[in-house]
Amino acid sequence: MAGNVITVLKNSLAGAAVIAALAACATSAPLPGSAAAVAKPPVGCVSATATHLPVRSDECAGVGSTYTRQDLDRTGQVDTPDALRALDPSVRVHGP
């Protein structure tokens, strides 16, 4: 009887160890608003394009700069051309 109890305990501990190891290796997508989710690519490297083709994290999908609606809103400017100029003084906006 005691042998069966020990075997059951060993199996339970081994199972718990396997589950803990698998849980430690599991990865999940970053939560919206977390530092990983809002991380930006290096300057001059665009990480995503309108094609939505997958790009490795160590590659650039394109060259240039991207600005989100939140970036534009944070400038406090009312007009998009003014917001772009505030974000990057080298940007030249022509037209009205």
Protein backbone atom coordinates (compact mmCIF):
# COMPACT_ATOMS: atom_id res chain seq x y z
CA MET A 1 0.00 0.00 0.00
CA ALA A 2 2.77 2.46 0.93
CA GLY A 3 4.54 1.62 -2.35
CA ASN A 4 1.48 2.69 -4.33
CA VAL A 5 1.26 5.99 -2.44
CA ILE A 6 4.91 6.76 -3.11
CA THR A 7 4.50 5.91 -6.81
CA VAL A 8 1.46 8.18 -7.06
CA LEU A 9 3.33 11.02 -5.33
CA LYS A 10 6.35 10.60 -7.62
CA ASN A 11 4.13 10.65 -10.71
CA SER A 12 2.26 13.71 -9.43
CA LEU A 13 5.48 15.59 -8.73
CA ALA A 14 6.92 14.63 -12.11
CA GLY A 15 3.74 15.81 -13.84
CA ALA A 16 3.77 19.09 -11.93
CA ALA A 17 7.42 19.63 -12.89
CA VAL A 18 6.64 19.08 -16.57
CA ILE A 19 3.68 21.48 -16.43
CA ALA A 20 5.79 24.12 -14.66
CA ALA A 21 8.56 23.78 -17.25
CA LEU A 22 6.10 24.12 -20.13
CA ALA A 23 4.43 27.12 -18.53
CA ALA A 24 7.81 28.81 -18.07
CA CYS A 25 8.61 28.33 -21.76
CA ALA A 26 5.27 29.59 -23.02
CA THR A 27 5.20 33.00 -24.64
CA SER A 28 2.32 35.33 -25.29
CA ALA A 29 1.74 38.50 -27.26
CA PRO A 30 2.49 41.72 -25.39
CA LEU A 31 -0.46 43.42 -23.78
CA PRO A 32 -1.64 46.62 -25.46
CA GLY A 33 0.05 49.57 -23.80
CA SER A 34 2.97 47.54 -22.48
CA ALA A 35 6.53 48.62 -23.29
CA ALA A 36 6.99 45.73 -25.74
CA ALA A 37 3.77 46.57 -27.56
CA VAL A 38 4.70 50.20 -28.11
CA ALA A 39 8.36 49.65 -28.88
CA LYS A 40 9.33 51.46 -32.06
CA PRO A 41 11.79 50.30 -34.68
CA PRO A 42 15.11 52.12 -35.02
CA VAL A 43 15.05 55.50 -36.75
CA GLY A 44 14.81 55.04 -40.49
CA CYS A 45 13.49 51.49 -40.22
CA VAL A 46 9.79 50.88 -40.85
CA SER A 47 8.65 47.66 -39.19
CA ALA A 48 5.34 47.23 -41.01
CA THR A 49 3.81 48.19 -44.33
CA ALA A 50 0.31 48.23 -45.73
CA THR A 51 0.94 44.81 -47.28
CA HIS A 52 0.98 43.21 -43.81
CA LEU A 53 3.65 40.79 -45.02
CA PRO A 54 5.52 39.28 -42.07
CA VAL A 55 8.97 40.73 -41.40
CA ARG A 56 11.55 39.27 -39.05
CA SER A 57 12.25 41.40 -35.99
CA ASP A 58 15.85 42.00 -37.13
CA GLU A 59 14.78 43.30 -40.57
CA CYS A 60 13.17 46.46 -41.87
CA ALA A 61 10.04 46.33 -44.01
CA GLY A 62 10.97 49.68 -45.51
CA VAL A 63 13.01 52.80 -45.04
CA GLY A 64 11.55 56.03 -43.69
CA SER A 65 9.55 57.15 -40.70
CA THR A 66 6.09 56.32 -39.48
CA TYR A 67 3.86 58.25 -37.12
CA THR A 68 0.72 56.99 -35.45
CA ARG A 69 -2.43 58.97 -34.81
CA GLN A 70 -1.37 59.07 -31.15
CA ASP A 71 2.00 60.56 -32.15
CA LEU A 72 0.22 63.30 -34.10
CA ASP A 73 -2.25 63.96 -31.27
CA ARG A 74 0.54 64.25 -28.68
CA THR A 75 2.05 67.21 -30.52
CA GLY A 76 -0.97 69.32 -29.57
CA GLN A 77 -1.20 70.67 -33.12
CA VAL A 78 -4.60 70.94 -34.78
CA ASP A 79 -3.49 70.49 -38.39
CA THR A 80 -1.67 67.40 -39.66
CA PRO A 81 1.06 69.36 -41.50
CA ASP A 82 1.85 71.27 -38.30
CA ALA A 83 1.92 68.02 -36.29
CA LEU A 84 4.28 66.42 -38.81
CA ARG A 85 6.59 69.45 -38.65
CA ALA A 86 6.56 69.24 -34.85
CA LEU A 87 7.48 65.55 -34.94
CA ASP A 88 10.22 65.95 -37.53
CA PRO A 89 11.49 69.40 -38.54
CA SER A 90 12.99 67.94 -41.72
CA VAL A 91 9.50 67.09 -43.03
CA ARG A 92 8.33 69.48 -45.72
CA VAL A 93 4.60 69.64 -46.31
CA HIS A 94 3.41 71.36 -49.49
CA GLY A 95 -0.12 72.53 -50.18
CA PRO A 96 -2.92 73.94 -48.06
